[in-house]
N, C-alpha and C. Protein backbone atom coordinates (compact mmCIF):
# COMPACT_ATOMS: atom_id res chain seq x y z
N UNK A 1 238.67 279.35 104.95
CA UNK A 1 239.72 278.99 104.23
C UNK A 1 239.39 277.09 104.76
N UNK A 2 238.53 277.27 105.68
CA UNK A 2 238.53 275.37 106.01
C UNK A 2 237.64 275.33 104.33
N UNK A 3 236.47 276.08 104.15
CA UNK A 3 235.32 276.07 102.87
C UNK A 3 236.60 275.13 101.52
N UNK A 4 237.90 276.25 101.58
CA UNK A 4 238.29 276.42 100.56
C UNK A 4 239.51 274.91 100.74
N UNK A 5 239.55 274.52 101.92
CA UNK A 5 240.44 273.01 102.18
C UNK A 5 239.64 271.89 101.66
N UNK A 6 238.16 272.29 102.13
CA UNK A 6 237.47 270.85 101.80
C UNK A 6 237.03 270.20 100.82
N UNK A 7 236.84 272.23 99.59
CA UNK A 7 237.00 271.96 98.12
C UNK A 7 238.02 271.20 97.95
N UNK A 8 239.01 271.05 97.99
CA UNK A 8 240.17 271.02 97.36
C UNK A 8 240.46 269.55 98.05
N UNK A 9 239.83 269.03 99.25
CA UNK A 9 239.62 267.74 99.76
C UNK A 9 238.66 267.25 98.51
N UNK A 10 237.67 267.46 98.26
CA UNK A 10 236.76 266.83 97.69
C UNK A 10 237.47 266.74 96.33
N UNK A 11 237.80 267.81 95.52
CA UNK A 11 238.59 267.59 94.00
C UNK A 11 239.93 266.74 94.34
N UNK A 12 240.39 266.36 95.15
CA UNK A 12 241.42 265.48 95.44
C UNK A 12 240.86 264.18 95.03
N UNK A 13 239.42 264.15 96.16
CA UNK A 13 239.24 262.73 96.29
C UNK A 13 238.95 262.00 94.82
N UNK A 14 238.08 263.12 94.28
CA UNK A 14 237.59 262.55 93.35
C UNK A 14 238.26 262.63 91.82
N UNK A 15 239.47 263.24 92.05
CA UNK A 15 240.73 262.85 91.34
C UNK A 15 241.05 261.36 91.10
N UNK A 16 241.85 261.21 92.85
CA UNK A 16 241.94 260.11 92.93
C UNK A 16 240.66 258.68 93.07
N UNK A 17 239.27 259.07 93.03
CA UNK A 17 238.54 257.81 92.66
C UNK A 17 238.57 257.08 91.10
N UNK A 18 238.56 258.65 90.42
CA UNK A 18 238.69 258.42 88.62
C UNK A 18 239.28 257.32 88.51
N UNK A 19 240.67 257.04 89.02
CA UNK A 19 241.31 256.08 88.11
C UNK A 19 241.50 254.64 89.06
N UNK A 20 240.91 255.02 89.97
CA UNK A 20 240.46 253.72 90.93
C UNK A 20 239.41 252.87 90.53
N UNK A 21 237.88 253.91 89.83
CA UNK A 21 237.09 253.22 89.02
C UNK A 21 237.48 252.80 87.19
N UNK A 22 239.09 253.42 87.46
CA UNK A 22 238.80 252.64 85.75
C UNK A 22 239.63 251.49 86.12
N UNK A 23 240.46 251.83 87.05
CA UNK A 23 241.52 250.30 86.86
C UNK A 23 240.23 249.32 87.31
N UNK A 24 239.44 249.60 88.53
CA UNK A 24 238.15 248.38 88.66
C UNK A 24 237.74 247.93 87.66
N UNK A 25 237.27 249.22 86.69
CA UNK A 25 236.59 248.46 85.47
C UNK A 25 237.23 247.57 84.18
N UNK A 26 238.67 247.93 84.59
CA UNK A 26 239.68 247.26 83.48
C UNK A 26 239.63 246.46 84.13
N UNK A 27 239.54 245.78 85.78
CA UNK A 27 240.14 244.50 86.04
C UNK A 27 238.78 243.58 85.76
N UNK A 28 237.28 244.10 85.86
CA UNK A 28 236.24 243.31 85.42
C UNK A 28 236.55 242.89 84.16
N UNK A 29 236.59 244.33 83.04
CA UNK A 29 236.69 243.00 81.54
C UNK A 29 237.68 242.36 81.22
N UNK A 30 238.96 242.21 82.37
CA UNK A 30 240.22 241.21 81.79
C UNK A 30 239.48 239.95 82.19
N UNK A 31 238.55 239.94 83.62
CA UNK A 31 238.09 238.91 84.07
C UNK A 31 236.89 238.56 82.83
N UNK A 32 236.54 239.13 82.73
CA UNK A 32 235.45 238.80 81.01
C UNK A 32 236.29 238.26 79.75
N UNK A 33 237.54 238.95 79.53
CA UNK A 33 238.30 238.43 78.87
C UNK A 33 238.69 236.87 79.39
N UNK A 34 239.13 236.77 80.41
CA UNK A 34 239.57 235.68 80.76
C UNK A 34 238.63 234.56 81.17
N UNK A 35 237.77 234.91 81.00
CA UNK A 35 236.04 233.81 81.07
C UNK A 35 235.65 233.49 79.89
N UNK A 36 235.70 234.50 78.84
CA UNK A 36 235.79 234.05 77.33
C UNK A 36 237.21 233.32 76.91
N UNK A 37 237.83 233.34 76.83
CA UNK A 37 239.17 232.52 76.40
C UNK A 37 238.62 231.19 77.30
N UNK A 38 238.66 231.16 78.51
CA UNK A 38 238.37 229.76 79.14
C UNK A 38 237.54 229.44 78.20
N UNK A 39 236.32 229.52 77.75
CA UNK A 39 235.02 229.14 76.86
C UNK A 39 235.53 228.89 75.70
N UNK A 40 236.36 229.49 75.10
CA UNK A 40 236.91 229.02 73.84
C UNK A 40 237.30 228.39 73.94
N UNK A 41 238.55 227.51 74.37
CA UNK A 41 239.49 226.99 75.25
C UNK A 41 238.39 225.62 75.23
N UNK A 42 237.33 225.34 75.99
CA UNK A 42 236.91 224.53 76.66
C UNK A 42 236.10 224.23 75.40
N UNK A 43 235.03 225.03 73.64
CA UNK A 43 234.88 224.61 73.01
C UNK A 43 235.79 224.12 71.87
N UNK A 44 236.63 224.46 71.93
CA UNK A 44 237.94 223.95 71.00
C UNK A 44 238.24 222.81 71.14
N UNK A 45 238.36 222.57 72.85
CA UNK A 45 239.22 220.92 73.36
C UNK A 45 238.29 220.04 72.81
N UNK A 46 236.63 220.56 72.81
CA UNK A 46 235.80 219.31 73.10
C UNK A 46 235.78 218.39 71.74
N UNK A 47 235.83 219.27 70.59
CA UNK A 47 235.85 218.79 69.06
C UNK A 47 237.30 217.88 68.80
N UNK A 48 238.36 217.95 69.58
CA UNK A 48 239.45 217.97 69.88
C UNK A 48 239.69 216.07 70.57
N UNK A 49 238.81 216.12 71.57
CA UNK A 49 238.12 214.98 72.24
C UNK A 49 238.25 214.06 71.43
N UNK A 50 236.88 214.42 70.68
CA UNK A 50 235.89 213.98 69.87
C UNK A 50 236.87 212.92 68.63
N UNK A 51 237.66 213.95 67.98
CA UNK A 51 238.69 213.47 67.22
C UNK A 51 239.83 212.44 67.38
N UNK A 52 240.34 212.98 68.75
CA UNK A 52 241.00 211.65 69.22
C UNK A 52 240.10 210.93 69.51
N UNK A 53 239.24 210.28 70.36
CA UNK A 53 238.42 209.05 69.87
C UNK A 53 238.25 208.19 69.26
N UNK A 54 238.32 209.11 67.86
CA UNK A 54 237.68 208.67 66.64
C UNK A 54 238.84 208.08 66.15
N UNK A 55 239.89 209.20 66.17
CA UNK A 55 241.60 208.06 65.63
C UNK A 55 241.60 206.88 66.34
N UNK A 56 241.28 207.06 67.74
CA UNK A 56 241.66 205.86 68.09
C UNK A 56 240.65 204.28 67.96
N UNK A 57 239.58 204.66 67.69
CA UNK A 57 238.33 203.83 66.86
C UNK A 57 238.97 203.25 65.46
N UNK A 58 239.13 204.60 65.00
CA UNK A 58 239.69 204.23 63.57
C UNK A 58 240.80 203.20 63.72
N UNK A 59 241.65 203.57 64.52
CA UNK A 59 243.37 202.53 64.73
C UNK A 59 242.40 201.38 64.85
N UNK A 60 241.97 201.40 66.15
CA UNK A 60 241.21 199.97 66.37
C UNK A 60 240.76 198.98 65.22
N UNK A 61 239.53 199.74 64.31
CA UNK A 61 239.28 199.51 63.14
C UNK A 61 240.23 198.78 62.39
N UNK A 62 241.37 199.71 62.12
CA UNK A 62 242.32 199.20 61.20
C UNK A 62 243.33 197.48 61.67
N UNK A 63 243.14 197.73 62.88
CA UNK A 63 243.89 196.48 63.47
C UNK A 63 242.77 195.70 63.19
N UNK A 64 241.66 195.86 63.41
CA UNK A 64 240.69 194.45 63.34
C UNK A 64 240.94 194.42 62.15
N UNK A 65 241.17 194.84 61.40
CA UNK A 65 240.60 194.14 59.69
C UNK A 65 241.99 193.87 59.75
N UNK A 66 243.75 193.82 59.96
CA UNK A 66 244.69 193.58 59.81
C UNK A 66 244.88 192.25 60.35
N UNK A 67 243.82 192.21 61.30
CA UNK A 67 243.87 190.40 62.42
C UNK A 67 242.65 189.61 61.18
N UNK A 68 241.84 190.17 60.75
CA UNK A 68 240.96 189.87 59.82
C UNK A 68 241.97 188.95 58.33
N UNK A 69 242.36 189.81 58.17
CA UNK A 69 243.45 189.85 56.93
C UNK A 69 244.32 188.55 57.08
N UNK A 70 244.72 188.46 58.38
CA UNK A 70 246.08 187.58 58.64
C UNK A 70 244.83 185.94 58.76
N UNK A 71 243.95 186.18 59.57
CA UNK A 71 243.09 185.14 59.69
C UNK A 71 242.77 184.21 58.19
N UNK A 72 241.98 185.29 57.51
CA UNK A 72 241.85 184.71 56.08
C UNK A 72 242.91 184.26 55.21
N UNK A 73 244.51 184.60 55.43
CA UNK A 73 245.60 184.21 54.96
C UNK A 73 245.95 183.39 55.22
N UNK A 74 245.54 182.87 56.07
CA UNK A 74 246.50 181.80 57.47
C UNK A 74 245.25 180.39 56.93
N UNK A 75 244.25 180.56 56.88
CA UNK A 75 243.29 179.86 56.50
C UNK A 75 243.00 179.44 54.74
N UNK A 76 243.38 180.43 54.28
CA UNK A 76 243.35 180.20 53.02
C UNK A 76 245.00 179.20 51.97
N UNK A 77 246.01 179.52 53.36
CA UNK A 77 246.85 178.69 52.71
C UNK A 77 247.23 177.12 53.17
N UNK A 78 246.34 176.95 54.21
CA UNK A 78 245.98 176.05 54.84
C UNK A 78 245.37 174.99 53.67
């Protein structure tokens, strides 16, 4: 009887361990997915930051051109 009880305990333990191992594996995969997502976001953000800087530089260049045009117009008017 004792051997049957021990065998039943081992079977129960293996049944319990199987879903726990699956859960642990799924948790690891979830962490990897999240890490991949973070990497993707940083890769996407990097060009956007560059684009934002370029856009700001473009606005500054346009403003400088307007100032220059205003100075030229003023000089020509005199």
